[in-house]
Amino acid sequence: MRRRVLFLAPLAIGGVLLFMAVGGFVVQQLWNWLLPPLFGWPALTFWQALGLLALCRILFGRFGGRGFGPRFSRRHMAARWERMSPEERERFRQGLAGRCGFGPPTGERKGTAVPE
């Protein structure tokens, strides 16, 4: 088992370095192909593209693992939904609809009119 880990560790490091190199190159090429002609923004160097890739990963993704993690899994939400009372479910639906723009405008809740 120990020999296997010693064999796989350099491959893993090499894979990460290869992914970073290819990712930085792709970001650089896409940026330099699209943004300078369209918006007049400056072209990126490889290292700037690699930094931009890392920044996007920090802001919009996680290092390792899946998207939102187990907290937002389908199974977790189904179990949570089953534990809710009918009143809680309706309140949840109304809150979700209001946040997604499908509910009444703010101020028009249950018989209250929007002041003019």
PDB file of N, CA and C in Angstrom:
ATOM      1  N   MET A   1       0.828  -1.194   0.000  1.00  0.00           N
ATOM      2  CA  MET A   1       0.000   0.000   0.000  1.00  0.00           C
ATOM      3  C   MET A   1       0.869   1.253   0.000  1.00  0.00           C
ATOM      4  N   ARG A   2       1.922   1.233   0.784  1.00  0.00           N
ATOM      5  CA  ARG A   2       2.796   2.409   0.870  1.00  0.00           C
ATOM      6  C   ARG A   2       3.482   2.674  -0.470  1.00  0.00           C
ATOM      7  N   ARG A   3       3.854   1.608  -1.189  1.00  0.00           N
ATOM      8  CA  ARG A   3       4.484   1.782  -2.491  1.00  0.00           C
ATOM      9  C   ARG A   3       3.518   2.420  -3.480  1.00  0.00           C
ATOM     10  N   ARG A   4       2.267   2.041  -3.357  1.00  0.00           N
ATOM     11  CA  ARG A   4       1.261   2.601  -4.258  1.00  0.00           C
ATOM     12  C   ARG A   4       1.102   4.105  -4.035  1.00  0.00           C
ATOM     13  N   VAL A   5       1.085   4.528  -2.777  1.00  0.00           N
ATOM     14  CA  VAL A   5       0.964   5.952  -2.461  1.00  0.00           C
ATOM     15  C   VAL A   5       2.184   6.709  -2.963  1.00  0.00           C
ATOM     16  N   LEU A   6       3.352   6.131  -2.789  1.00  0.00           N
ATOM     17  CA  LEU A   6       4.569   6.780  -3.272  1.00  0.00           C
ATOM     18  C   LEU A   6       4.576   6.894  -4.791  1.00  0.00           C
ATOM     19  N   PHE A   7       3.921   5.968  -5.467  1.00  0.00           N
ATOM     20  CA  PHE A   7       3.837   6.021  -6.916  1.00  0.00           C
ATOM     21  C   PHE A   7       2.784   7.042  -7.369  1.00  0.00           C
ATOM     22  N   LEU A   8       1.665   7.125  -6.648  1.00  0.00           N
ATOM     23  CA  LEU A   8       0.564   8.005  -7.051  1.00  0.00           C
ATOM     24  C   LEU A   8       0.787   9.473  -6.675  1.00  0.00           C
ATOM     25  N   ALA A   9       1.551   9.744  -5.643  1.00  0.00           N
ATOM     26  CA  ALA A   9       1.757  11.127  -5.203  1.00  0.00           C
ATOM     27  C   ALA A   9       2.392  11.992  -6.302  1.00  0.00           C
ATOM     28  N   PRO A  10       3.481  11.556  -6.955  1.00  0.00           N
ATOM     29  CA  PRO A  10       4.031  12.387  -8.033  1.00  0.00           C
ATOM     30  C   PRO A  10       3.071  12.543  -9.207  1.00  0.00           C
ATOM     31  N   LEU A  11       2.292  11.500  -9.498  1.00  0.00           N
ATOM     32  CA  LEU A  11       1.308  11.618 -10.576  1.00  0.00           C
ATOM     33  C   LEU A  11       0.229  12.644 -10.227  1.00  0.00           C
ATOM     34  N   ALA A  12      -0.204  12.651  -8.975  1.00  0.00           N
ATOM     35  CA  ALA A  12      -1.216  13.619  -8.548  1.00  0.00           C
ATOM     36  C   ALA A  12      -0.672  15.045  -8.627  1.00  0.00           C
ATOM     37  N   ILE A  13       0.538  15.236  -8.178  1.00  0.00           N
ATOM     38  CA  ILE A  13       1.154  16.567  -8.242  1.00  0.00           C
ATOM     39  C   ILE A  13       1.313  17.006  -9.692  1.00  0.00           C
ATOM     40  N   GLY A  14       1.751  16.075 -10.534  1.00  0.00           N
ATOM     41  CA  GLY A  14       1.884  16.384 -11.959  1.00  0.00           C
ATOM     42  C   GLY A  14       0.548  16.707 -12.599  1.00  0.00           C
ATOM     43  N   GLY A  15      -0.491  15.977 -12.210  1.00  0.00           N
ATOM     44  CA  GLY A  15      -1.829  16.257 -12.738  1.00  0.00           C
ATOM     45  C   GLY A  15      -2.335  17.628 -12.341  1.00  0.00           C
ATOM     46  N   VAL A  16      -2.095  18.012 -11.098  1.00  0.00           N
ATOM     47  CA  VAL A  16      -2.517  19.335 -10.630  1.00  0.00           C
ATOM     48  C   VAL A  16      -1.766  20.426 -11.395  1.00  0.00           C
ATOM     49  N   LEU A  17      -0.460  20.238 -11.563  1.00  0.00           N
ATOM     50  CA  LEU A  17       0.332  21.232 -12.303  1.00  0.00           C
ATOM     51  C   LEU A  17      -0.106  21.322 -13.760  1.00  0.00           C
ATOM     52  N   LEU A  18      -0.399  20.181 -14.365  1.00  0.00           N
ATOM     53  CA  LEU A  18      -0.874  20.175 -15.746  1.00  0.00           C
ATOM     54  C   LEU A  18      -2.230  20.868 -15.853  1.00  0.00           C
ATOM     55  N   PHE A  19      -3.122  20.596 -14.906  1.00  0.00           N
ATOM     56  CA  PHE A  19      -4.429  21.253 -14.906  1.00  0.00           C
ATOM     57  C   PHE A  19      -4.276  22.766 -14.758  1.00  0.00           C
ATOM     58  N   MET A  20      -3.386  23.211 -13.886  1.00  0.00           N
ATOM     59  CA  MET A  20      -3.169  24.646 -13.706  1.00  0.00           C
ATOM     60  C   MET A  20      -2.615  25.270 -14.978  1.00  0.00           C
ATOM     61  N   ALA A  21      -1.662  24.597 -15.625  1.00  0.00           N
ATOM     62  CA  ALA A  21      -1.060  25.137 -16.845  1.00  0.00           C
ATOM     63  C   ALA A  21      -2.095  25.229 -17.966  1.00  0.00           C
ATOM     64  N   VAL A  22      -2.859  24.158 -18.161  1.00  0.00           N
ATOM     65  CA  VAL A  22      -3.875  24.165 -19.222  1.00  0.00           C
ATOM     66  C   VAL A  22      -4.977  25.174 -18.893  1.00  0.00           C
ATOM     67  N   GLY A  23      -5.421  25.205 -17.628  1.00  0.00           N
ATOM     68  CA  GLY A  23      -6.450  26.165 -17.239  1.00  0.00           C
ATOM     69  C   GLY A  23      -6.006  27.599 -17.420  1.00  0.00           C
ATOM     70  N   GLY A  24      -4.782  27.918 -17.012  1.00  0.00           N
ATOM     71  CA  GLY A  24      -4.259  29.269 -17.191  1.00  0.00           C
ATOM     72  C   GLY A  24      -4.152  29.635 -18.657  1.00  0.00           C
ATOM     73  N   PHE A  25      -3.691  28.683 -19.479  1.00  0.00           N
ATOM     74  CA  PHE A  25      -3.569  28.937 -20.913  1.00  0.00           C
ATOM     75  C   PHE A  25      -4.935  29.184 -21.548  1.00  0.00           C
ATOM     76  N   VAL A  26      -5.923  28.366 -21.184  1.00  0.00           N
ATOM     77  CA  VAL A  26      -7.273  28.526 -21.752  1.00  0.00           C
ATOM     78  C   VAL A  26      -7.878  29.861 -21.335  1.00  0.00           C
ATOM     79  N   VAL A  27      -7.748  30.234 -20.063  1.00  0.00           N
ATOM     80  CA  VAL A  27      -8.280  31.526 -19.597  1.00  0.00           C
ATOM     81  C   VAL A  27      -7.584  32.669 -20.323  1.00  0.00           C
ATOM     82  N   GLN A  28      -6.270  32.582 -20.465  1.00  0.00           N
ATOM     83  CA  GLN A  28      -5.521  33.636 -21.157  1.00  0.00           C
ATOM     84  C   GLN A  28      -5.980  33.769 -22.603  1.00  0.00           C
ATOM     85  N   GLN A  29      -6.101  32.660 -23.304  1.00  0.00           N
ATOM     86  CA  GLN A  29      -6.496  32.713 -24.715  1.00  0.00           C
ATOM     87  C   GLN A  29      -7.915  33.234 -24.890  1.00  0.00           C
ATOM     88  N   LEU A  30      -8.833  32.778 -24.047  1.00  0.00           N
ATOM     89  CA  LEU A  30     -10.214  33.266 -24.146  1.00  0.00           C
ATOM     90  C   LEU A  30     -10.307  34.756 -23.836  1.00  0.00           C
ATOM     91  N   TRP A  31      -9.631  35.184 -22.792  1.00  0.00           N
ATOM     92  CA  TRP A  31      -9.640  36.601 -22.421  1.00  0.00           C
ATOM     93  C   TRP A  31      -9.069  37.444 -23.554  1.00  0.00           C
ATOM     94  N   ASN A  32      -7.888  37.046 -24.038  1.00  0.00           N
ATOM     95  CA  ASN A  32      -7.215  37.849 -25.060  1.00  0.00           C
ATOM     96  C   ASN A  32      -7.941  37.792 -26.404  1.00  0.00           C
ATOM     97  N   TRP A  33      -8.723  36.756 -26.633  1.00  0.00           N
ATOM     98  CA  TRP A  33      -9.476  36.652 -27.871  1.00  0.00           C
ATOM     99  C   TRP A  33     -10.745  37.507 -27.821  1.00  0.00           C
ATOM    100  N   LEU A  34     -11.393  37.569 -26.646  1.00  0.00           N
ATOM    101  CA  LEU A  34     -12.691  38.231 -26.549  1.00  0.00           C
ATOM    102  C   LEU A  34     -12.645  39.659 -26.012  1.00  0.00           C
ATOM    103  N   LEU A  35     -12.019  39.869 -24.887  1.00  0.00           N
ATOM    104  CA  LEU A  35     -12.209  41.138 -24.178  1.00  0.00           C
ATOM    105  C   LEU A  35     -11.466  42.333 -24.770  1.00  0.00           C
ATOM    106  N   PRO A  36     -10.219  42.221 -25.213  1.00  0.00           N
ATOM    107  CA  PRO A  36      -9.614  43.409 -25.825  1.00  0.00           C
ATOM    108  C   PRO A  36     -10.360  43.915 -27.061  1.00  0.00           C
ATOM    109  N   PRO A  37     -10.760  43.046 -28.003  1.00  0.00           N
ATOM    110  CA  PRO A  37     -11.491  43.585 -29.157  1.00  0.00           C
ATOM    111  C   PRO A  37     -12.886  44.105 -28.810  1.00  0.00           C
ATOM    112  N   LEU A  38     -13.566  43.450 -27.870  1.00  0.00           N
ATOM    113  CA  LEU A  38     -14.937  43.854 -27.556  1.00  0.00           C
ATOM    114  C   LEU A  38     -15.014  45.091 -26.679  1.00  0.00           C
ATOM    115  N   PHE A  39     -14.199  45.122 -25.616  1.00  0.00           N
ATOM    116  CA  PHE A  39     -14.319  46.190 -24.625  1.00  0.00           C
ATOM    117  C   PHE A  39     -13.077  47.063 -24.495  1.00  0.00           C
ATOM    118  N   GLY A  40     -12.023  46.722 -25.191  1.00  0.00           N
ATOM    119  CA  GLY A  40     -10.797  47.509 -25.107  1.00  0.00           C
ATOM    120  C   GLY A  40      -9.999  47.264 -23.840  1.00  0.00           C
ATOM    121  N   TRP A  41     -10.267  46.170 -23.152  1.00  0.00           N
ATOM    122  CA  TRP A  41      -9.522  45.843 -21.942  1.00  0.00           C
ATOM    123  C   TRP A  41      -8.144  45.321 -22.321  1.00  0.00           C
ATOM    124  N   PRO A  42      -7.178  45.443 -21.433  1.00  0.00           N
ATOM    125  CA  PRO A  42      -5.832  44.986 -21.780  1.00  0.00           C
ATOM    126  C   PRO A  42      -5.732  43.462 -21.853  1.00  0.00           C
ATOM    127  N   ALA A  43      -4.756  42.999 -22.607  1.00  0.00           N
ATOM    128  CA  ALA A  43      -4.502  41.564 -22.721  1.00  0.00           C
ATOM    129  C   ALA A  43      -3.859  41.064 -21.431  1.00  0.00           C
ATOM    130  N   LEU A  44      -4.054  39.780 -21.127  1.00  0.00           N
ATOM    131  CA  LEU A  44      -3.502  39.172 -19.920  1.00  0.00           C
ATOM    132  C   LEU A  44      -2.239  38.380 -20.237  1.00  0.00           C
ATOM    133  N   THR A  45      -1.351  38.343 -19.268  1.00  0.00           N
ATOM    134  CA  THR A  45      -0.230  37.418 -19.339  1.00  0.00           C
ATOM    135  C   THR A  45      -0.689  36.085 -18.772  1.00  0.00           C
ATOM    136  N   PHE A  46       0.148  35.055 -18.914  1.00  0.00           N
ATOM    137  CA  PHE A  46      -0.204  33.740 -18.388  1.00  0.00           C
ATOM    138  C   PHE A  46      -0.398  33.793 -16.877  1.00  0.00           C
ATOM    139  N   TRP A  47       0.471  34.506 -16.172  1.00  0.00           N
ATOM    140  CA  TRP A  47       0.387  34.543 -14.713  1.00  0.00           C
ATOM    141  C   TRP A  47      -0.831  35.315 -14.241  1.00  0.00           C
ATOM    142  N   GLN A  48      -1.209  36.356 -14.967  1.00  0.00           N
ATOM    143  CA  GLN A  48      -2.443  37.068 -14.624  1.00  0.00           C
ATOM    144  C   GLN A  48      -3.661  36.176 -14.848  1.00  0.00           C
ATOM    145  N   ALA A  49      -3.643  35.402 -15.929  1.00  0.00           N
ATOM    146  CA  ALA A  49      -4.740  34.483 -16.204  1.00  0.00           C
ATOM    147  C   ALA A  49      -4.832  33.405 -15.130  1.00  0.00           C
ATOM    148  N   LEU A  50      -3.687  32.919 -14.674  1.00  0.00           N
ATOM    149  CA  LEU A  50      -3.671  31.914 -13.611  1.00  0.00           C
ATOM    150  C   LEU A  50      -4.221  32.513 -12.313  1.00  0.00           C
ATOM    151  N   GLY A  51      -3.867  33.757 -12.022  1.00  0.00           N
ATOM    152  CA  GLY A  51      -4.409  34.445 -10.848  1.00  0.00           C
ATOM    153  C   GLY A  51      -5.909  34.662 -10.962  1.00  0.00           C
ATOM    154  N   LEU A  52      -6.375  35.003 -12.153  1.00  0.00           N
ATOM    155  CA  LEU A  52      -7.811  35.181 -12.373  1.00  0.00           C
ATOM    156  C   LEU A  52      -8.552  33.864 -12.201  1.00  0.00           C
ATOM    157  N   LEU A  53      -7.964  32.787 -12.687  1.00  0.00           N
ATOM    158  CA  LEU A  53      -8.555  31.459 -12.522  1.00  0.00           C
ATOM    159  C   LEU A  53      -8.657  31.097 -11.042  1.00  0.00           C
ATOM    160  N   ALA A  54      -7.607  31.364 -10.279  1.00  0.00           N
ATOM    161  CA  ALA A  54      -7.627  31.091  -8.837  1.00  0.00           C
ATOM    162  C   ALA A  54      -8.656  31.964  -8.127  1.00  0.00           C
ATOM    163  N   LEU A  55      -8.741  33.229  -8.509  1.00  0.00           N
ATOM    164  CA  LEU A  55      -9.714  34.133  -7.889  1.00  0.00           C
ATOM    165  C   LEU A  55     -11.143  33.672  -8.156  1.00  0.00           C
ATOM    166  N   CYS A  56     -11.428  33.260  -9.384  1.00  0.00           N
ATOM    167  CA  CYS A  56     -12.767  32.763  -9.704  1.00  0.00           C
ATOM    168  C   CYS A  56     -13.076  31.487  -8.932  1.00  0.00           C
ATOM    169  N   ARG A  57     -12.076  30.653  -8.765  1.00  0.00           N
ATOM    170  CA  ARG A  57     -12.266  29.413  -8.008  1.00  0.00           C
ATOM    171  C   ARG A  57     -12.582  29.727  -6.542  1.00  0.00           C
ATOM    172  N   ILE A  58     -11.913  30.719  -5.990  1.00  0.00           N
ATOM    173  CA  ILE A  58     -12.164  31.105  -4.599  1.00  0.00           C
ATOM    174  C   ILE A  58     -13.554  31.722  -4.456  1.00  0.00           C
ATOM    175  N   LEU A  59     -13.927  32.610  -5.377  1.00  0.00           N
ATOM    176  CA  LEU A  59     -15.191  33.324  -5.249  1.00  0.00           C
ATOM    177  C   LEU A  59     -16.405  32.485  -5.619  1.00  0.00           C
ATOM    178  N   PHE A  60     -16.290  31.660  -6.660  1.00  0.00           N
ATOM    179  CA  PHE A  60     -17.460  30.973  -7.190  1.00  0.00           C
ATOM    180  C   PHE A  60     -17.456  29.472  -7.000  1.00  0.00           C
ATOM    181  N   GLY A  61     -16.388  28.903  -6.528  1.00  0.00           N
ATOM    182  CA  GLY A  61     -16.325  27.469  -6.345  1.00  0.00           C
ATOM    183  C   GLY A  61     -15.584  27.135  -5.080  1.00  0.00           C
ATOM    184  N   ARG A  62     -15.559  25.856  -4.776  1.00  0.00           N
ATOM    185  CA  ARG A  62     -14.830  25.424  -3.593  1.00  0.00           C
ATOM    186  C   ARG A  62     -13.615  24.643  -4.034  1.00  0.00           C
ATOM    187  N   PHE A  63     -12.623  24.606  -3.181  1.00  0.00           N
ATOM    188  CA  PHE A  63     -11.453  23.788  -3.455  1.00  0.00           C
ATOM    189  C   PHE A  63     -11.783  22.370  -3.033  1.00  0.00           C
ATOM    190  N   GLY A  64     -12.006  21.499  -3.980  1.00  0.00           N
ATOM    191  CA  GLY A  64     -12.354  20.116  -3.694  1.00  0.00           C
ATOM    192  C   GLY A  64     -13.831  19.979  -3.399  1.00  0.00           C
ATOM    193  N   GLY A  65     -14.345  18.800  -3.586  1.00  0.00           N
ATOM    194  CA  GLY A  65     -15.739  18.539  -3.266  1.00  0.00           C
ATOM    195  C   GLY A  65     -16.683  18.980  -4.358  1.00  0.00           C
ATOM    196  N   ARG A  66     -17.972  18.838  -4.076  1.00  0.00           N
ATOM    197  CA  ARG A  66     -19.000  19.197  -5.034  1.00  0.00           C
ATOM    198  C   ARG A  66     -19.501  20.598  -4.759  1.00  0.00           C
ATOM    199  N   GLY A  67     -20.282  21.108  -5.681  1.00  0.00           N
ATOM    200  CA  GLY A  67     -20.901  22.424  -5.634  1.00  0.00           C
ATOM    201  C   GLY A  67     -21.228  22.970  -4.268  1.00  0.00           C
ATOM    202  N   PHE A  68     -22.445  22.739  -3.791  1.00  0.00           N
ATOM    203  CA  PHE A  68     -22.876  23.326  -2.534  1.00  0.00           C
ATOM    204  C   PHE A  68     -22.676  22.402  -1.342  1.00  0.00           C
ATOM    205  N   GLY A  69     -22.290  21.186  -1.567  1.00  0.00           N
ATOM    206  CA  GLY A  69     -22.021  20.274  -0.471  1.00  0.00           C
ATOM    207  C   GLY A  69     -23.252  19.547   0.017  1.00  0.00           C
ATOM    208  N   PRO A  70     -23.090  18.747   1.053  1.00  0.00           N
ATOM    209  CA  PRO A  70     -24.188  17.899   1.512  1.00  0.00           C
ATOM    210  C   PRO A  70     -25.344  18.670   2.109  1.00  0.00           C
ATOM    211  N   ARG A  71     -25.136  19.889   2.529  1.00  0.00           N
ATOM    212  CA  ARG A  71     -26.213  20.660   3.140  1.00  0.00           C
ATOM    213  C   ARG A  71     -27.359  20.885   2.160  1.00  0.00           C
ATOM    214  N   PHE A  72     -27.047  20.975   0.878  1.00  0.00           N
ATOM    215  CA  PHE A  72     -28.060  21.254  -0.128  1.00  0.00           C
ATOM    216  C   PHE A  72     -28.368  20.034  -0.998  1.00  0.00           C
ATOM    217  N   SER A  73     -28.113  18.847  -0.476  1.00  0.00           N
ATOM    218  CA  SER A  73     -28.380  17.661  -1.273  1.00  0.00           C
ATOM    219  C   SER A  73     -29.877  17.427  -1.378  1.00  0.00           C
ATOM    220  N   ARG A  74     -30.253  16.721  -2.410  1.00  0.00           N
ATOM    221  CA  ARG A  74     -31.665  16.420  -2.651  1.00  0.00           C
ATOM    222  C   ARG A  74     -32.251  15.593  -1.514  1.00  0.00           C
ATOM    223  N   ARG A  75     -31.475  14.634  -1.019  1.00  0.00           N
ATOM    224  CA  ARG A  75     -31.941  13.786   0.082  1.00  0.00           C
ATOM    225  C   ARG A  75     -32.180  14.611   1.346  1.00  0.00           C
ATOM    226  N   HIS A  76     -31.265  15.533   1.624  1.00  0.00           N
ATOM    227  CA  HIS A  76     -31.398  16.376   2.815  1.00  0.00           C
ATOM    228  C   HIS A  76     -32.652  17.244   2.716  1.00  0.00           C
ATOM    229  N   MET A  77     -32.882  17.829   1.540  1.00  0.00           N
ATOM    230  CA  MET A  77     -34.060  18.679   1.384  1.00  0.00           C
ATOM    231  C   MET A  77     -35.352  17.863   1.462  1.00  0.00           C
ATOM    232  N   ALA A  78     -35.343  16.634   0.926  1.00  0.00           N
ATOM    233  CA  ALA A  78     -36.533  15.785   1.001  1.00  0.00           C
ATOM    234  C   ALA A  78     -36.847  15.430   2.452  1.00  0.00           C
ATOM    235  N   ALA A  79     -35.830  15.105   3.220  1.00  0.00           N
ATOM    236  CA  ALA A  79     -36.047  14.776   4.630  1.00  0.00           C
ATOM    237  C   ALA A  79     -36.546  16.001   5.396  1.00  0.00           C
ATOM    238  N   ARG A  80     -35.994  17.144   5.079  1.00  0.00           N
ATOM    239  CA  ARG A  80     -36.423  18.375   5.747  1.00  0.00           C
ATOM    240  C   ARG A  80     -37.872  18.707   5.396  1.00  0.00           C
ATOM    241  N   TRP A  81     -38.234  18.503   4.130  1.00  0.00           N
ATOM    242  CA  TRP A  81     -39.601  18.758   3.683  1.00  0.00           C
ATOM    243  C   TRP A  81     -40.583  17.843   4.402  1.00  0.00           C
ATOM    244  N   GLU A  82     -40.216  16.586   4.612  1.00  0.00           N
ATOM    245  CA  GLU A  82     -41.090  15.631   5.290  1.00  0.00           C
ATOM    246  C   GLU A  82     -41.314  16.004   6.747  1.00  0.00           C
ATOM    247  N   ARG A  83     -40.349  16.644   7.370  1.00  0.00           N
ATOM    248  CA  ARG A  83     -40.491  17.044   8.779  1.00  0.00           C
ATOM    249  C   ARG A  83     -41.326  18.312   8.953  1.00  0.00           C
ATOM    250  N   MET A  84     -41.594  19.039   7.860  1.00  0.00           N
ATOM    251  CA  MET A  84     -42.356  20.292   7.950  1.00  0.00           C
ATOM    252  C   MET A  84     -43.849  20.013   8.094  1.00  0.00           C
ATOM    253  N   SER A  85     -44.510  20.883   8.832  1.00  0.00           N
ATOM    254  CA  SER A  85     -45.970  20.817   8.913  1.00  0.00           C
ATOM    255  C   SER A  85     -46.533  21.461   7.640  1.00  0.00           C
ATOM    256  N   PRO A  86     -47.825  21.238   7.347  1.00  0.00           N
ATOM    257  CA  PRO A  86     -48.416  21.877   6.156  1.00  0.00           C
ATOM    258  C   PRO A  86     -48.315  23.407   6.181  1.00  0.00           C
ATOM    259  N   GLU A  87     -48.438  24.005   7.369  1.00  0.00           N
ATOM    260  CA  GLU A  87     -48.318  25.460   7.471  1.00  0.00           C
ATOM    261  C   GLU A  87     -46.898  25.914   7.146  1.00  0.00           C
ATOM    262  N   GLU A  88     -45.912  25.167   7.648  1.00  0.00           N
ATOM    263  CA  GLU A  88     -44.517  25.513   7.357  1.00  0.00           C
ATOM    264  C   GLU A  88     -44.214  25.358   5.870  1.00  0.00           C
ATOM    265  N   ARG A  89     -44.768  24.331   5.248  1.00  0.00           N
ATOM    266  CA  ARG A  89     -44.558  24.132   3.808  1.00  0.00           C
ATOM    267  C   ARG A  89     -45.123  25.293   3.008  1.00  0.00           C
ATOM    268  N   GLU A  90     -46.332  25.730   3.373  1.00  0.00           N
ATOM    269  CA  GLU A  90     -46.947  26.844   2.650  1.00  0.00           C
ATOM    270  C   GLU A  90     -46.150  28.130   2.857  1.00  0.00           C
ATOM    271  N   ARG A  91     -45.694  28.362   4.085  1.00  0.00           N
ATOM    272  CA  ARG A  91     -44.875  29.540   4.362  1.00  0.00           C
ATOM    273  C   ARG A  91     -43.563  29.482   3.567  1.00  0.00           C
ATOM    274  N   PHE A  92     -42.966  28.294   3.459  1.00  0.00           N
ATOM    275  CA  PHE A  92     -41.751  28.110   2.679  1.00  0.00           C
ATOM    276  C   PHE A  92     -42.001  28.413   1.203  1.00  0.00           C
ATOM    277  N   ARG A  93     -43.117  27.897   0.663  1.00  0.00           N
ATOM    278  CA  ARG A  93     -43.460  28.144  -0.744  1.00  0.00           C
ATOM    279  C   ARG A  93     -43.652  29.638  -1.006  1.00  0.00           C
ATOM    280  N   GLN A  94     -44.359  30.329  -0.109  1.00  0.00           N
ATOM    281  CA  GLN A  94     -44.592  31.760  -0.281  1.00  0.00           C
ATOM    282  C   GLN A  94     -43.289  32.543  -0.214  1.00  0.00           C
ATOM    283  N   GLY A  95     -42.424  32.177   0.726  1.00  0.00           N
ATOM    284  CA  GLY A  95     -41.142  32.868   0.821  1.00  0.00           C
ATOM    285  C   GLY A  95     -40.278  32.649  -0.408  1.00  0.00           C
ATOM    286  N   LEU A  96     -40.279  31.421  -0.917  1.00  0.00           N
ATOM    287  CA  LEU A  96     -39.508  31.117  -2.108  1.00  0.00           C
ATOM    288  C   LEU A  96     -40.062  31.856  -3.321  1.00  0.00           C
ATOM    289  N   ALA A  97     -41.382  31.876  -3.446  1.00  0.00           N
ATOM    290  CA  ALA A  97     -42.004  32.584  -4.568  1.00  0.00           C
ATOM    291  C   ALA A  97     -41.716  34.077  -4.493  1.00  0.00           C
ATOM    292  N   GLY A  98     -41.730  34.648  -3.300  1.00  0.00           N
ATOM    293  CA  GLY A  98     -41.439  36.071  -3.150  1.00  0.00           C
ATOM    294  C   GLY A  98     -39.996  36.409  -3.500  1.00  0.00           C
ATOM    295  N   ARG A  99     -39.080  35.514  -3.136  1.00  0.00           N
ATOM    296  CA  ARG A  99     -37.664  35.763  -3.440  1.00  0.00           C
ATOM    297  C   ARG A  99     -37.355  35.593  -4.913  1.00  0.00           C
ATOM    298  N   CYS A 100     -38.113  34.733  -5.587  1.00  0.00           N
ATOM    299  CA  CYS A 100     -37.855  34.445  -6.997  1.00  0.00           C
ATOM    300  C   CYS A 100     -38.674  35.324  -7.934  1.00  0.00           C
ATOM    301  N   GLY A 101     -39.441  36.250  -7.394  1.00  0.00           N
ATOM    302  CA  GLY A 101     -40.194  37.178  -8.223  1.00  0.00           C
ATOM    303  C   GLY A 101     -41.542  36.665  -8.684  1.00  0.00           C
ATOM    304  N   PHE A 102     -42.054  35.593  -8.080  1.00  0.00           N
ATOM    305  CA  PHE A 102     -43.342  35.049  -8.484  1.00  0.00           C
ATOM    306  C   PHE A 102     -44.460  35.438  -7.530  1.00  0.00           C
ATOM    307  N   GLY A 103     -44.123  36.057  -6.432  1.00  0.00           N
ATOM    308  CA  GLY A 103     -45.133  36.416  -5.444  1.00  0.00           C
ATOM    309  C   GLY A 103     -45.610  37.838  -5.650  1.00  0.00           C
ATOM    310  N   PRO A 104     -46.485  38.308  -4.758  1.00  0.00           N
ATOM    311  CA  PRO A 104     -46.946  39.690  -4.862  1.00  0.00           C
ATOM    312  C   PRO A 104     -45.798  40.647  -4.578  1.00  0.00           C
ATOM    313  N   PRO A 105     -45.854  41.858  -5.146  1.00  0.00           N
ATOM    314  CA  PRO A 105     -44.803  42.841  -4.886  1.00  0.00           C
ATOM    315  C   PRO A 105     -44.694  43.161  -3.404  1.00  0.00           C
ATOM    316  N   THR A 106     -43.563  43.631  -2.982  1.00  0.00           N
ATOM    317  CA  THR A 106     -43.338  43.963  -1.587  1.00  0.00           C
ATOM    318  C   THR A 106     -44.364  44.990  -1.131  1.00  0.00           C
ATOM    319  N   GLY A 107     -44.996  44.739  -0.008  1.00  0.00           N
ATOM    320  CA  GLY A 107     -46.004  45.643   0.519  1.00  0.00           C
ATOM    321  C   GLY A 107     -47.419  45.167   0.230  1.00  0.00           C
ATOM    322  N   GLU A 108     -47.624  44.261  -0.705  1.00  0.00           N
ATOM    323  CA  GLU A 108     -48.945  43.739  -1.026  1.00  0.00           C
ATOM    324  C   GLU A 108     -49.136  42.374  -0.399  1.00  0.00           C
ATOM    325  N   ARG A 109     -48.938  42.257   0.870  1.00  0.00           N
ATOM    326  CA  ARG A 109     -49.075  40.977   1.567  1.00  0.00           C
ATOM    327  C   ARG A 109     -50.418  40.919   2.255  1.00  0.00           C
ATOM    328  N   LYS A 110     -51.215  39.938   1.941  1.00  0.00           N
ATOM    329  CA  LYS A 110     -52.461  39.586   2.628  1.00  0.00           C
ATOM    330  C   LYS A 110     -53.305  40.786   3.051  1.00  0.00           C
ATOM    331  N   GLY A 111     -53.860  41.457   2.077  1.00  0.00           N
ATOM    332  CA  GLY A 111     -54.825  42.505   2.374  1.00  0.00           C
ATOM    333  C   GLY A 111     -54.237  43.875   2.604  1.00  0.00           C
ATOM    334  N   THR A 112     -52.939  44.032   2.599  1.00  0.00           N
ATOM    335  CA  THR A 112     -52.369  45.362   2.761  1.00  0.00           C
ATOM    336  C   THR A 112     -52.070  45.925   1.393  1.00  0.00           C
ATOM    337  N   ALA A 113     -52.386  47.148   1.200  1.00  0.00           N
ATOM    338  CA  ALA A 113     -52.145  47.802  -0.088  1.00  0.00           C
ATOM    339  C   ALA A 113     -50.817  48.545  -0.042  1.00  0.00           C
ATOM    340  N   VAL A 114     -50.265  48.756  -1.187  1.00  0.00           N
ATOM    341  CA  VAL A 114     -49.022  49.514  -1.280  1.00  0.00           C
ATOM    342  C   VAL A 114     -49.381  50.980  -1.191  1.00  0.00           C
ATOM    343  N   PRO A 115     -48.783  51.735  -0.259  1.00  0.00           N
ATOM    344  CA  PRO A 115     -49.095  53.166  -0.157  1.00  0.00           C
ATOM    345  C   PRO A 115     -48.598  53.926  -1.387  1.00  0.00           C
ATOM    346  N   GLU A 116     -49.389  54.880  -1.819  1.00  0.00           N
ATOM    347  CA  GLU A 116     -49.020  55.661  -3.004  1.00  0.00           C
ATOM    348  C   GLU A 116     -48.516  57.010  -2.657  1.00  0.00           C
TER     349      GLU A 116
END
